[in-house]
Amino acid sequence: MSIWIRRAYDPPTKNDGKRILVDRLWPRGVSKDELSVDSWMKEIAPSNELRKWYGHDPEKWEEFKVRYRKELDAQPDAVAELVEYAKNGRITLIYAAKDTDINNAVALREYLEEQI
């Protein structure tokens, strides 16, 4: 099992496995062909309210993860789908945030790894 994360603005690679967009909004300036995702799981992304509250503020990171985990707990079917994909091969969670260290895909990967 392997869960990778990659920015939407980075080119896809042959090793990405199943590419899943995990943002609620489509990445600005990227076409569907360029992004080359297998699925777009809007329902697994942070809610609009949480996303706006967080605003990519590093000081809110730990609280963001707590709140996001509660939202993920409320999406058992979507989480189970991602866990199943991960058990069957590599998946790459695609996100658009500029910060590569603290973003929803990083938090989601941590959450999923705990589920497996």
PDB file of N, CA and C in Angstrom:
ATOM      1  N   MET A   1       0.826  -1.173   0.000  1.00  0.00           N
ATOM      2  CA  MET A   1       0.000   0.000   0.000  1.00  0.00           C
ATOM      3  C   MET A   1       0.873   1.240   0.000  1.00  0.00           C
ATOM      4  N   SER A   2       0.510   2.188  -0.827  1.00  0.00           N
ATOM      5  CA  SER A   2       1.293   3.400  -0.927  1.00  0.00           C
ATOM      6  C   SER A   2       0.375   4.569  -1.275  1.00  0.00           C
ATOM      7  N   ILE A   3       0.444   5.619  -0.458  1.00  0.00           N
ATOM      8  CA  ILE A   3      -0.345   6.821  -0.712  1.00  0.00           C
ATOM      9  C   ILE A   3       0.626   7.975  -0.941  1.00  0.00           C
ATOM     10  N   TRP A   4       0.614   8.489  -2.144  1.00  0.00           N
ATOM     11  CA  TRP A   4       1.437   9.625  -2.487  1.00  0.00           C
ATOM     12  C   TRP A   4       0.561  10.864  -2.523  1.00  0.00           C
ATOM     13  N   ILE A   5       1.196  12.023  -2.451  1.00  0.00           N
ATOM     14  CA  ILE A   5       0.485  13.279  -2.678  1.00  0.00           C
ATOM     15  C   ILE A   5       1.273  14.085  -3.701  1.00  0.00           C
ATOM     16  N   ARG A   6       0.534  14.847  -4.507  1.00  0.00           N
ATOM     17  CA  ARG A   6       1.186  15.619  -5.566  1.00  0.00           C
ATOM     18  C   ARG A   6       0.326  16.845  -5.867  1.00  0.00           C
ATOM     19  N   ARG A   7       1.001  17.956  -6.099  1.00  0.00           N
ATOM     20  CA  ARG A   7       0.283  19.183  -6.474  1.00  0.00           C
ATOM     21  C   ARG A   7      -0.337  19.024  -7.859  1.00  0.00           C
ATOM     22  N   ALA A   8      -1.468  19.650  -8.027  1.00  0.00           N
ATOM     23  CA  ALA A   8      -2.177  19.606  -9.305  1.00  0.00           C
ATOM     24  C   ALA A   8      -1.356  20.240 -10.423  1.00  0.00           C
ATOM     25  N   TYR A   9      -0.418  21.091 -10.068  1.00  0.00           N
ATOM     26  CA  TYR A   9       0.381  21.805 -11.056  1.00  0.00           C
ATOM     27  C   TYR A   9       1.653  21.063 -11.445  1.00  0.00           C
ATOM     28  N   ASP A  10       1.893  19.928 -10.801  1.00  0.00           N
ATOM     29  CA  ASP A  10       3.021  19.074 -11.177  1.00  0.00           C
ATOM     30  C   ASP A  10       2.555  18.091 -12.246  1.00  0.00           C
ATOM     31  N   PRO A  11       3.404  17.789 -13.219  1.00  0.00           N
ATOM     32  CA  PRO A  11       2.974  16.855 -14.268  1.00  0.00           C
ATOM     33  C   PRO A  11       2.767  15.446 -13.703  1.00  0.00           C
ATOM     34  N   PRO A  12       1.779  14.730 -14.229  1.00  0.00           N
ATOM     35  CA  PRO A  12       1.574  13.340 -13.797  1.00  0.00           C
ATOM     36  C   PRO A  12       2.761  12.470 -14.197  1.00  0.00           C
ATOM     37  N   THR A  13       2.943  11.378 -13.461  1.00  0.00           N
ATOM     38  CA  THR A  13       3.988  10.421 -13.818  1.00  0.00           C
ATOM     39  C   THR A  13       3.366   9.038 -13.977  1.00  0.00           C
ATOM     40  N   LYS A  14       4.111   8.157 -14.614  1.00  0.00           N
ATOM     41  CA  LYS A  14       3.638   6.781 -14.799  1.00  0.00           C
ATOM     42  C   LYS A  14       3.489   6.059 -13.466  1.00  0.00           C
ATOM     43  N   ASN A  15       4.225   6.485 -12.456  1.00  0.00           N
ATOM     44  CA  ASN A  15       4.230   5.802 -11.166  1.00  0.00           C
ATOM     45  C   ASN A  15       3.153   6.274 -10.198  1.00  0.00           C
ATOM     46  N   ASP A  16       2.313   7.217 -10.606  1.00  0.00           N
ATOM     47  CA  ASP A  16       1.310   7.787  -9.698  1.00  0.00           C
ATOM     48  C   ASP A  16       0.223   6.796  -9.291  1.00  0.00           C
ATOM     49  N   GLY A  17       0.005   5.784 -10.085  1.00  0.00           N
ATOM     50  CA  GLY A  17      -1.117   4.885  -9.798  1.00  0.00           C
ATOM     51  C   GLY A  17      -2.431   5.604 -10.043  1.00  0.00           C
ATOM     52  N   LYS A  18      -3.416   5.317  -9.215  1.00  0.00           N
ATOM     53  CA  LYS A  18      -4.730   5.956  -9.344  1.00  0.00           C
ATOM     54  C   LYS A  18      -4.634   7.384  -8.817  1.00  0.00           C
ATOM     55  N   ARG A  19      -4.909   8.361  -9.691  1.00  0.00           N
ATOM     56  CA  ARG A  19      -4.817   9.776  -9.328  1.00  0.00           C
ATOM     57  C   ARG A  19      -6.206  10.286  -8.940  1.00  0.00           C
ATOM     58  N   ILE A  20      -6.295  10.845  -7.715  1.00  0.00           N
ATOM     59  CA  ILE A  20      -7.591  11.277  -7.180  1.00  0.00           C
ATOM     60  C   ILE A  20      -7.487  12.726  -6.717  1.00  0.00           C
ATOM     61  N   LEU A  21      -8.278  13.592  -7.328  1.00  0.00           N
ATOM     62  CA  LEU A  21      -8.336  14.986  -6.904  1.00  0.00           C
ATOM     63  C   LEU A  21      -9.142  15.053  -5.612  1.00  0.00           C
ATOM     64  N   VAL A  22      -8.544  15.624  -4.564  1.00  0.00           N
ATOM     65  CA  VAL A  22      -9.185  15.658  -3.247  1.00  0.00           C
ATOM     66  C   VAL A  22      -9.466  17.091  -2.793  1.00  0.00           C
ATOM     67  N   ASP A  23      -9.694  17.983  -3.738  1.00  0.00           N
ATOM     68  CA  ASP A  23     -10.075  19.365  -3.457  1.00  0.00           C
ATOM     69  C   ASP A  23     -11.534  19.557  -3.843  1.00  0.00           C
ATOM     70  N   ARG A  24     -12.191  20.471  -3.158  1.00  0.00           N
ATOM     71  CA  ARG A  24     -13.589  20.775  -3.468  1.00  0.00           C
ATOM     72  C   ARG A  24     -13.707  21.598  -4.751  1.00  0.00           C
ATOM     73  N   LEU A  25     -12.669  22.402  -5.037  1.00  0.00           N
ATOM     74  CA  LEU A  25     -12.666  23.253  -6.226  1.00  0.00           C
ATOM     75  C   LEU A  25     -11.653  22.722  -7.238  1.00  0.00           C
ATOM     76  N   TRP A  26     -11.991  22.859  -8.518  1.00  0.00           N
ATOM     77  CA  TRP A  26     -11.053  22.451  -9.571  1.00  0.00           C
ATOM     78  C   TRP A  26      -9.861  23.405  -9.551  1.00  0.00           C
ATOM     79  N   PRO A  27      -8.640  22.903  -9.692  1.00  0.00           N
ATOM     80  CA  PRO A  27      -7.448  23.755  -9.679  1.00  0.00           C
ATOM     81  C   PRO A  27      -7.474  24.789 -10.799  1.00  0.00           C
ATOM     82  N   ARG A  28      -7.202  26.017 -10.434  1.00  0.00           N
ATOM     83  CA  ARG A  28      -7.219  27.126 -11.384  1.00  0.00           C
ATOM     84  C   ARG A  28      -6.199  26.933 -12.489  1.00  0.00           C
ATOM     85  N   GLY A  29      -6.645  27.130 -13.727  1.00  0.00           N
ATOM     86  CA  GLY A  29      -5.734  27.141 -14.861  1.00  0.00           C
ATOM     87  C   GLY A  29      -5.241  25.781 -15.324  1.00  0.00           C
ATOM     88  N   VAL A  30      -5.858  24.691 -14.828  1.00  0.00           N
ATOM     89  CA  VAL A  30      -5.429  23.349 -15.214  1.00  0.00           C
ATOM     90  C   VAL A  30      -6.584  22.657 -15.935  1.00  0.00           C
ATOM     91  N   SER A  31      -6.316  22.170 -17.135  1.00  0.00           N
ATOM     92  CA  SER A  31      -7.358  21.478 -17.889  1.00  0.00           C
ATOM     93  C   SER A  31      -7.516  20.041 -17.385  1.00  0.00           C
ATOM     94  N   LYS A  32      -8.626  19.426 -17.731  1.00  0.00           N
ATOM     95  CA  LYS A  32      -8.851  18.030 -17.349  1.00  0.00           C
ATOM     96  C   LYS A  32      -7.775  17.121 -17.934  1.00  0.00           C
ATOM     97  N   ASP A  33      -7.370  17.392 -19.161  1.00  0.00           N
ATOM     98  CA  ASP A  33      -6.318  16.583 -19.789  1.00  0.00           C
ATOM     99  C   ASP A  33      -4.984  16.739 -19.066  1.00  0.00           C
ATOM    100  N   GLU A  34      -4.652  17.971 -18.701  1.00  0.00           N
ATOM    101  CA  GLU A  34      -3.382  18.224 -18.005  1.00  0.00           C
ATOM    102  C   GLU A  34      -3.358  17.553 -16.635  1.00  0.00           C
ATOM    103  N   LEU A  35      -4.478  17.611 -15.933  1.00  0.00           N
ATOM    104  CA  LEU A  35      -4.519  17.065 -14.581  1.00  0.00           C
ATOM    105  C   LEU A  35      -4.513  15.543 -14.599  1.00  0.00           C
ATOM    106  N   SER A  36      -5.192  14.969 -15.563  1.00  0.00           N
ATOM    107  CA  SER A  36      -5.191  13.525 -15.751  1.00  0.00           C
ATOM    108  C   SER A  36      -5.525  12.763 -14.460  1.00  0.00           C
ATOM    109  N   VAL A  37      -6.724  13.030 -13.909  1.00  0.00           N
ATOM    110  CA  VAL A  37      -7.146  12.322 -12.704  1.00  0.00           C
ATOM    111  C   VAL A  37      -8.101  11.194 -13.066  1.00  0.00           C
ATOM    112  N   ASP A  38      -8.079  10.159 -12.247  1.00  0.00           N
ATOM    113  CA  ASP A  38      -9.006   9.040 -12.434  1.00  0.00           C
ATOM    114  C   ASP A  38     -10.358   9.339 -11.802  1.00  0.00           C
ATOM    115  N   SER A  39     -10.335  10.143 -10.736  1.00  0.00           N
ATOM    116  CA  SER A  39     -11.593  10.552 -10.119  1.00  0.00           C
ATOM    117  C   SER A  39     -11.405  11.852  -9.356  1.00  0.00           C
ATOM    118  N   TRP A  40     -12.530  12.516  -9.122  1.00  0.00           N
ATOM    119  CA  TRP A  40     -12.558  13.762  -8.357  1.00  0.00           C
ATOM    120  C   TRP A  40     -13.502  13.523  -7.196  1.00  0.00           C
ATOM    121  N   MET A  41     -12.950  13.404  -6.011  1.00  0.00           N
ATOM    122  CA  MET A  41     -13.746  13.097  -4.823  1.00  0.00           C
ATOM    123  C   MET A  41     -13.968  14.372  -4.007  1.00  0.00           C
ATOM    124  N   LYS A  42     -14.895  15.201  -4.479  1.00  0.00           N
ATOM    125  CA  LYS A  42     -15.207  16.460  -3.797  1.00  0.00           C
ATOM    126  C   LYS A  42     -15.668  16.214  -2.365  1.00  0.00           C
ATOM    127  N   GLU A  43     -16.410  15.118  -2.178  1.00  0.00           N
ATOM    128  CA  GLU A  43     -17.003  14.844  -0.867  1.00  0.00           C
ATOM    129  C   GLU A  43     -15.960  14.541   0.208  1.00  0.00           C
ATOM    130  N   ILE A  44     -14.757  14.188  -0.191  1.00  0.00           N
ATOM    131  CA  ILE A  44     -13.694  13.875   0.775  1.00  0.00           C
ATOM    132  C   ILE A  44     -12.899  15.134   1.142  1.00  0.00           C
ATOM    133  N   ALA A  45     -13.100  16.198   0.397  1.00  0.00           N
ATOM    134  CA  ALA A  45     -12.388  17.455   0.651  1.00  0.00           C
ATOM    135  C   ALA A  45     -12.972  18.156   1.882  1.00  0.00           C
ATOM    136  N   PRO A  46     -12.189  19.032   2.496  1.00  0.00           N
ATOM    137  CA  PRO A  46     -12.737  19.817   3.609  1.00  0.00           C
ATOM    138  C   PRO A  46     -13.940  20.640   3.141  1.00  0.00           C
ATOM    139  N   SER A  47     -14.892  20.817   4.030  1.00  0.00           N
ATOM    140  CA  SER A  47     -16.076  21.615   3.701  1.00  0.00           C
ATOM    141  C   SER A  47     -15.663  23.047   3.370  1.00  0.00           C
ATOM    142  N   ASN A  48     -16.533  23.753   2.676  1.00  0.00           N
ATOM    143  CA  ASN A  48     -16.252  25.155   2.360  1.00  0.00           C
ATOM    144  C   ASN A  48     -16.031  25.963   3.639  1.00  0.00           C
ATOM    145  N   GLU A  49     -16.836  25.681   4.656  1.00  0.00           N
ATOM    146  CA  GLU A  49     -16.709  26.409   5.911  1.00  0.00           C
ATOM    147  C   GLU A  49     -15.332  26.171   6.547  1.00  0.00           C
ATOM    148  N   LEU A  50     -14.898  24.912   6.580  1.00  0.00           N
ATOM    149  CA  LEU A  50     -13.605  24.583   7.169  1.00  0.00           C
ATOM    150  C   LEU A  50     -12.471  25.178   6.342  1.00  0.00           C
ATOM    151  N   ARG A  51     -12.590  25.068   5.053  1.00  0.00           N
ATOM    152  CA  ARG A  51     -11.564  25.595   4.154  1.00  0.00           C
ATOM    153  C   ARG A  51     -11.401  27.107   4.347  1.00  0.00           C
ATOM    154  N   LYS A  52     -12.517  27.814   4.425  1.00  0.00           N
ATOM    155  CA  LYS A  52     -12.461  29.272   4.603  1.00  0.00           C
ATOM    156  C   LYS A  52     -11.933  29.632   5.992  1.00  0.00           C
ATOM    157  N   TRP A  53     -12.354  28.877   7.014  1.00  0.00           N
ATOM    158  CA  TRP A  53     -11.866  29.139   8.371  1.00  0.00           C
ATOM    159  C   TRP A  53     -10.345  28.965   8.431  1.00  0.00           C
ATOM    160  N   TYR A  54      -9.856  27.883   7.857  1.00  0.00           N
ATOM    161  CA  TYR A  54      -8.428  27.571   7.902  1.00  0.00           C
ATOM    162  C   TYR A  54      -7.601  28.619   7.148  1.00  0.00           C
ATOM    163  N   GLY A  55      -7.990  28.902   5.921  1.00  0.00           N
ATOM    164  CA  GLY A  55      -7.293  29.908   5.129  1.00  0.00           C
ATOM    165  C   GLY A  55      -5.800  29.683   4.982  1.00  0.00           C
ATOM    166  N   HIS A  56      -5.360  28.444   5.092  1.00  0.00           N
ATOM    167  CA  HIS A  56      -3.940  28.067   4.975  1.00  0.00           C
ATOM    168  C   HIS A  56      -3.060  28.785   6.006  1.00  0.00           C
ATOM    169  N   ASP A  57      -3.634  29.050   7.164  1.00  0.00           N
ATOM    170  CA  ASP A  57      -2.901  29.692   8.260  1.00  0.00           C
ATOM    171  C   ASP A  57      -2.147  28.621   9.045  1.00  0.00           C
ATOM    172  N   PRO A  58      -0.813  28.621   9.003  1.00  0.00           N
ATOM    173  CA  PRO A  58      -0.041  27.581   9.701  1.00  0.00           C
ATOM    174  C   PRO A  58      -0.368  27.469  11.188  1.00  0.00           C
ATOM    175  N   GLU A  59      -0.772  28.571  11.809  1.00  0.00           N
ATOM    176  CA  GLU A  59      -1.108  28.534  13.234  1.00  0.00           C
ATOM    177  C   GLU A  59      -2.384  27.751  13.506  1.00  0.00           C
ATOM    178  N   LYS A  60      -3.207  27.549  12.476  1.00  0.00           N
ATOM    179  CA  LYS A  60      -4.459  26.811  12.627  1.00  0.00           C
ATOM    180  C   LYS A  60      -4.337  25.345  12.191  1.00  0.00           C
ATOM    181  N   TRP A  61      -3.132  24.926  11.769  1.00  0.00           N
ATOM    182  CA  TRP A  61      -2.929  23.596  11.190  1.00  0.00           C
ATOM    183  C   TRP A  61      -3.418  22.470  12.093  1.00  0.00           C
ATOM    184  N   GLU A  62      -2.998  22.442  13.343  1.00  0.00           N
ATOM    185  CA  GLU A  62      -3.381  21.337  14.239  1.00  0.00           C
ATOM    186  C   GLU A  62      -4.885  21.297  14.448  1.00  0.00           C
ATOM    187  N   GLU A  63      -5.504  22.441  14.627  1.00  0.00           N
ATOM    188  CA  GLU A  63      -6.963  22.491  14.806  1.00  0.00           C
ATOM    189  C   GLU A  63      -7.671  22.123  13.501  1.00  0.00           C
ATOM    190  N   PHE A  64      -7.094  22.529  12.373  1.00  0.00           N
ATOM    191  CA  PHE A  64      -7.657  22.139  11.075  1.00  0.00           C
ATOM    192  C   PHE A  64      -7.726  20.621  10.970  1.00  0.00           C
ATOM    193  N   LYS A  65      -6.636  19.945  11.341  1.00  0.00           N
ATOM    194  CA  LYS A  65      -6.612  18.478  11.247  1.00  0.00           C
ATOM    195  C   LYS A  65      -7.682  17.850  12.137  1.00  0.00           C
ATOM    196  N   VAL A  66      -7.873  18.378  13.321  1.00  0.00           N
ATOM    197  CA  VAL A  66      -8.906  17.858  14.228  1.00  0.00           C
ATOM    198  C   VAL A  66     -10.287  18.009  13.593  1.00  0.00           C
ATOM    199  N   ARG A  67     -10.563  19.191  13.078  1.00  0.00           N
ATOM    200  CA  ARG A  67     -11.875  19.450  12.470  1.00  0.00           C
ATOM    201  C   ARG A  67     -12.069  18.636  11.186  1.00  0.00           C
ATOM    202  N   TYR A  68     -11.016  18.529  10.400  1.00  0.00           N
ATOM    203  CA  TYR A  68     -11.104  17.766   9.152  1.00  0.00           C
ATOM    204  C   TYR A  68     -11.344  16.286   9.446  1.00  0.00           C
ATOM    205  N   ARG A  69     -10.700  15.750  10.473  1.00  0.00           N
ATOM    206  CA  ARG A  69     -10.925  14.352  10.859  1.00  0.00           C
ATOM    207  C   ARG A  69     -12.388  14.114  11.219  1.00  0.00           C
ATOM    208  N   LYS A  70     -13.007  15.064  11.880  1.00  0.00           N
ATOM    209  CA  LYS A  70     -14.440  14.928  12.210  1.00  0.00           C
ATOM    210  C   LYS A  70     -15.276  14.874  10.939  1.00  0.00           C
ATOM    211  N   GLU A  71     -14.909  15.704   9.969  1.00  0.00           N
ATOM    212  CA  GLU A  71     -15.627  15.668   8.695  1.00  0.00           C
ATOM    213  C   GLU A  71     -15.399  14.336   7.983  1.00  0.00           C
ATOM    214  N   LEU A  72     -14.181  13.834   8.023  1.00  0.00           N
ATOM    215  CA  LEU A  72     -13.890  12.549   7.386  1.00  0.00           C
ATOM    216  C   LEU A  72     -14.638  11.409   8.078  1.00  0.00           C
ATOM    217  N   ASP A  73     -14.740  11.471   9.397  1.00  0.00           N
ATOM    218  CA  ASP A  73     -15.499  10.456  10.140  1.00  0.00           C
ATOM    219  C   ASP A  73     -16.961  10.411   9.677  1.00  0.00           C
ATOM    220  N   ALA A  74     -17.460  11.538   9.218  1.00  0.00           N
ATOM    221  CA  ALA A  74     -18.848  11.625   8.757  1.00  0.00           C
ATOM    222  C   ALA A  74     -19.008  11.176   7.302  1.00  0.00           C
ATOM    223  N   GLN A  75     -17.902  10.767   6.656  1.00  0.00           N
ATOM    224  CA  GLN A  75     -17.913  10.309   5.255  1.00  0.00           C
ATOM    225  C   GLN A  75     -17.376   8.878   5.151  1.00  0.00           C
ATOM    226  N   PRO A  76     -17.963   7.917   5.878  1.00  0.00           N
ATOM    227  CA  PRO A  76     -17.372   6.574   5.910  1.00  0.00           C
ATOM    228  C   PRO A  76     -17.315   5.883   4.548  1.00  0.00           C
ATOM    229  N   ASP A  77     -18.276   6.122   3.690  1.00  0.00           N
ATOM    230  CA  ASP A  77     -18.263   5.461   2.380  1.00  0.00           C
ATOM    231  C   ASP A  77     -17.110   5.963   1.514  1.00  0.00           C
ATOM    232  N   ALA A  78     -16.914   7.270   1.491  1.00  0.00           N
ATOM    233  CA  ALA A  78     -15.825   7.842   0.695  1.00  0.00           C
ATOM    234  C   ALA A  78     -14.471   7.417   1.249  1.00  0.00           C
ATOM    235  N   VAL A  79     -14.345   7.412   2.580  1.00  0.00           N
ATOM    236  CA  VAL A  79     -13.089   6.983   3.204  1.00  0.00           C
ATOM    237  C   VAL A  79     -12.829   5.519   2.868  1.00  0.00           C
ATOM    238  N   ALA A  80     -13.858   4.691   2.968  1.00  0.00           N
ATOM    239  CA  ALA A  80     -13.705   3.262   2.669  1.00  0.00           C
ATOM    240  C   ALA A  80     -13.276   3.051   1.219  1.00  0.00           C
ATOM    241  N   GLU A  81     -13.800   3.865   0.322  1.00  0.00           N
ATOM    242  CA  GLU A  81     -13.420   3.757  -1.085  1.00  0.00           C
ATOM    243  C   GLU A  81     -11.925   4.053  -1.263  1.00  0.00           C
ATOM    244  N   LEU A  82     -11.439   5.100  -0.631  1.00  0.00           N
ATOM    245  CA  LEU A  82     -10.025   5.438  -0.726  1.00  0.00           C
ATOM    246  C   LEU A  82      -9.143   4.379  -0.076  1.00  0.00           C
ATOM    247  N   VAL A  83      -9.567   3.864   1.061  1.00  0.00           N
ATOM    248  CA  VAL A  83      -8.812   2.803   1.733  1.00  0.00           C
ATOM    249  C   VAL A  83      -8.723   1.579   0.824  1.00  0.00           C
ATOM    250  N   GLU A  84      -9.809   1.238   0.179  1.00  0.00           N
ATOM    251  CA  GLU A  84      -9.824   0.087  -0.725  1.00  0.00           C
ATOM    252  C   GLU A  84      -8.872   0.313  -1.904  1.00  0.00           C
ATOM    253  N   TYR A  85      -8.911   1.502  -2.486  1.00  0.00           N
ATOM    254  CA  TYR A  85      -7.978   1.820  -3.569  1.00  0.00           C
ATOM    255  C   TYR A  85      -6.534   1.651  -3.089  1.00  0.00           C
ATOM    256  N   ALA A  86      -6.240   2.175  -1.903  1.00  0.00           N
ATOM    257  CA  ALA A  86      -4.875   2.133  -1.369  1.00  0.00           C
ATOM    258  C   ALA A  86      -4.430   0.701  -1.087  1.00  0.00           C
ATOM    259  N   LYS A  87      -5.345  -0.137  -0.658  1.00  0.00           N
ATOM    260  CA  LYS A  87      -4.998  -1.536  -0.381  1.00  0.00           C
ATOM    261  C   LYS A  87      -4.664  -2.290  -1.658  1.00  0.00           C
ATOM    262  N   ASN A  88      -5.182  -1.816  -2.780  1.00  0.00           N
ATOM    263  CA  ASN A  88      -5.009  -2.518  -4.050  1.00  0.00           C
ATOM    264  C   ASN A  88      -3.916  -1.930  -4.937  1.00  0.00           C
ATOM    265  N   GLY A  89      -3.174  -0.957  -4.429  1.00  0.00           N
ATOM    266  CA  GLY A  89      -2.099  -0.375  -5.223  1.00  0.00           C
ATOM    267  C   GLY A  89      -1.857   1.059  -4.841  1.00  0.00           C
ATOM    268  N   ARG A  90      -0.943   1.683  -5.527  1.00  0.00           N
ATOM    269  CA  ARG A  90      -0.601   3.060  -5.227  1.00  0.00           C
ATOM    270  C   ARG A  90      -1.735   3.994  -5.627  1.00  0.00           C
ATOM    271  N   ILE A  91      -1.987   4.983  -4.755  1.00  0.00           N
ATOM    272  CA  ILE A  91      -2.878   6.082  -5.111  1.00  0.00           C
ATOM    273  C   ILE A  91      -2.108   7.381  -4.889  1.00  0.00           C
ATOM    274  N   THR A  92      -2.458   8.385  -5.663  1.00  0.00           N
ATOM    275  CA  THR A  92      -1.869   9.708  -5.508  1.00  0.00           C
ATOM    276  C   THR A  92      -2.995  10.695  -5.282  1.00  0.00           C
ATOM    277  N   LEU A  93      -2.946  11.361  -4.133  1.00  0.00           N
ATOM    278  CA  LEU A  93      -3.931  12.377  -3.785  1.00  0.00           C
ATOM    279  C   LEU A  93      -3.469  13.701  -4.395  1.00  0.00           C
ATOM    280  N   ILE A  94      -4.312  14.278  -5.222  1.00  0.00           N
ATOM    281  CA  ILE A  94      -3.977  15.501  -5.942  1.00  0.00           C
ATOM    282  C   ILE A  94      -4.630  16.692  -5.244  1.00  0.00           C
ATOM    283  N   TYR A  95      -3.843  17.741  -5.021  1.00  0.00           N
ATOM    284  CA  TYR A  95      -4.328  18.951  -4.350  1.00  0.00           C
ATOM    285  C   TYR A  95      -3.749  20.171  -5.050  1.00  0.00           C
ATOM    286  N   ALA A  96      -4.335  21.355  -4.799  1.00  0.00           N
ATOM    287  CA  ALA A  96      -3.879  22.565  -5.474  1.00  0.00           C
ATOM    288  C   ALA A  96      -3.156  23.552  -4.567  1.00  0.00           C
ATOM    289  N   ALA A  97      -3.195  23.370  -3.264  1.00  0.00           N
ATOM    290  CA  ALA A  97      -2.597  24.337  -2.330  1.00  0.00           C
ATOM    291  C   ALA A  97      -1.127  24.584  -2.639  1.00  0.00           C
ATOM    292  N   LYS A  98      -0.661  25.789  -2.350  1.00  0.00           N
ATOM    293  CA  LYS A  98       0.740  26.134  -2.578  1.00  0.00           C
ATOM    294  C   LYS A  98       1.658  25.470  -1.567  1.00  0.00           C
ATOM    295  N   ASP A  99       1.192  25.363  -0.325  1.00  0.00           N
ATOM    296  CA  ASP A  99       2.022  24.802   0.745  1.00  0.00           C
ATOM    297  C   ASP A  99       2.042  23.282   0.608  1.00  0.00           C
ATOM    298  N   THR A 100       3.217  22.729   0.398  1.00  0.00           N
ATOM    299  CA  THR A 100       3.338  21.288   0.181  1.00  0.00           C
ATOM    300  C   THR A 100       3.413  20.495   1.486  1.00  0.00           C
ATOM    301  N   ASP A 101       3.598  21.190   2.609  1.00  0.00           N
ATOM    302  CA  ASP A 101       3.752  20.499   3.889  1.00  0.00           C
ATOM    303  C   ASP A 101       2.489  20.474   4.735  1.00  0.00           C
ATOM    304  N   ILE A 102       1.680  21.503   4.629  1.00  0.00           N
ATOM    305  CA  ILE A 102       0.445  21.539   5.422  1.00  0.00           C
ATOM    306  C   ILE A 102      -0.726  21.891   4.506  1.00  0.00           C
ATOM    307  N   ASN A 103      -1.440  20.864   4.102  1.00  0.00           N
ATOM    308  CA  ASN A 103      -2.605  21.021   3.237  1.00  0.00           C
ATOM    309  C   ASN A 103      -3.542  19.835   3.466  1.00  0.00           C
ATOM    310  N   ASN A 104      -4.716  19.880   2.879  1.00  0.00           N
ATOM    311  CA  ASN A 104      -5.707  18.837   3.126  1.00  0.00           C
ATOM    312  C   ASN A 104      -5.251  17.451   2.672  1.00  0.00           C
ATOM    313  N   ALA A 105      -4.443  17.368   1.628  1.00  0.00           N
ATOM    314  CA  ALA A 105      -3.977  16.055   1.158  1.00  0.00           C
ATOM    315  C   ALA A 105      -3.028  15.421   2.173  1.00  0.00           C
ATOM    316  N   VAL A 106      -2.195  16.220   2.807  1.00  0.00           N
ATOM    317  CA  VAL A 106      -1.300  15.707   3.843  1.00  0.00           C
ATOM    318  C   VAL A 106      -2.126  15.175   5.016  1.00  0.00           C
ATOM    319  N   ALA A 107      -3.105  15.960   5.441  1.00  0.00           N
ATOM    320  CA  ALA A 107      -3.969  15.542   6.552  1.00  0.00           C
ATOM    321  C   ALA A 107      -4.765  14.291   6.173  1.00  0.00           C
ATOM    322  N   LEU A 108      -5.253  14.234   4.944  1.00  0.00           N
ATOM    323  CA  LEU A 108      -6.018  13.082   4.488  1.00  0.00           C
ATOM    324  C   LEU A 108      -5.145  11.834   4.439  1.00  0.00           C
ATOM    325  N   ARG A 109      -3.922  11.958   3.945  1.00  0.00           N
ATOM    326  CA  ARG A 109      -3.028  10.802   3.906  1.00  0.00           C
ATOM    327  C   ARG A 109      -2.778  10.261   5.318  1.00  0.00           C
ATOM    328  N   GLU A 110      -2.523  11.137   6.277  1.00  0.00           N
ATOM    329  CA  GLU A 110      -2.332  10.699   7.675  1.00  0.00           C
ATOM    330  C   GLU A 110      -3.558   9.940   8.171  1.00  0.00           C
ATOM    331  N   TYR A 111      -4.717  10.478   7.895  1.00  0.00           N
ATOM    332  CA  TYR A 111      -5.971   9.858   8.317  1.00  0.00           C
ATOM    333  C   TYR A 111      -6.143   8.475   7.683  1.00  0.00           C
ATOM    334  N   LEU A 112      -5.906   8.396   6.382  1.00  0.00           N
ATOM    335  CA  LEU A 112      -6.079   7.124   5.669  1.00  0.00           C
ATOM    336  C   LEU A 112      -5.090   6.074   6.164  1.00  0.00           C
ATOM    337  N   GLU A 113      -3.856   6.479   6.401  1.00  0.00           N
ATOM    338  CA  GLU A 113      -2.853   5.518   6.888  1.00  0.00           C
ATOM    339  C   GLU A 113      -3.238   4.938   8.231  1.00  0.00           C
ATOM    340  N   GLU A 114      -3.957   5.688   9.040  1.00  0.00           N
ATOM    341  CA  GLU A 114      -4.435   5.178  10.320  1.00  0.00           C
ATOM    342  C   GLU A 114      -5.594   4.193  10.143  1.00  0.00           C
ATOM    343  N   GLN A 115      -6.284   4.264   9.016  1.00  0.00           N
ATOM    344  CA  GLN A 115      -7.440   3.411   8.760  1.00  0.00           C
ATOM    345  C   GLN A 115      -7.035   2.040   8.232  1.00  0.00           C
ATOM    346  N   ILE A 116      -5.813   1.942   7.739  1.00  0.00           N
ATOM    347  CA  ILE A 116      -5.386   0.718   7.069  1.00  0.00           C
ATOM    348  C   ILE A 116      -4.705  -0.218   8.044  1.00  0.00           C
TER     349      ILE A 116
END
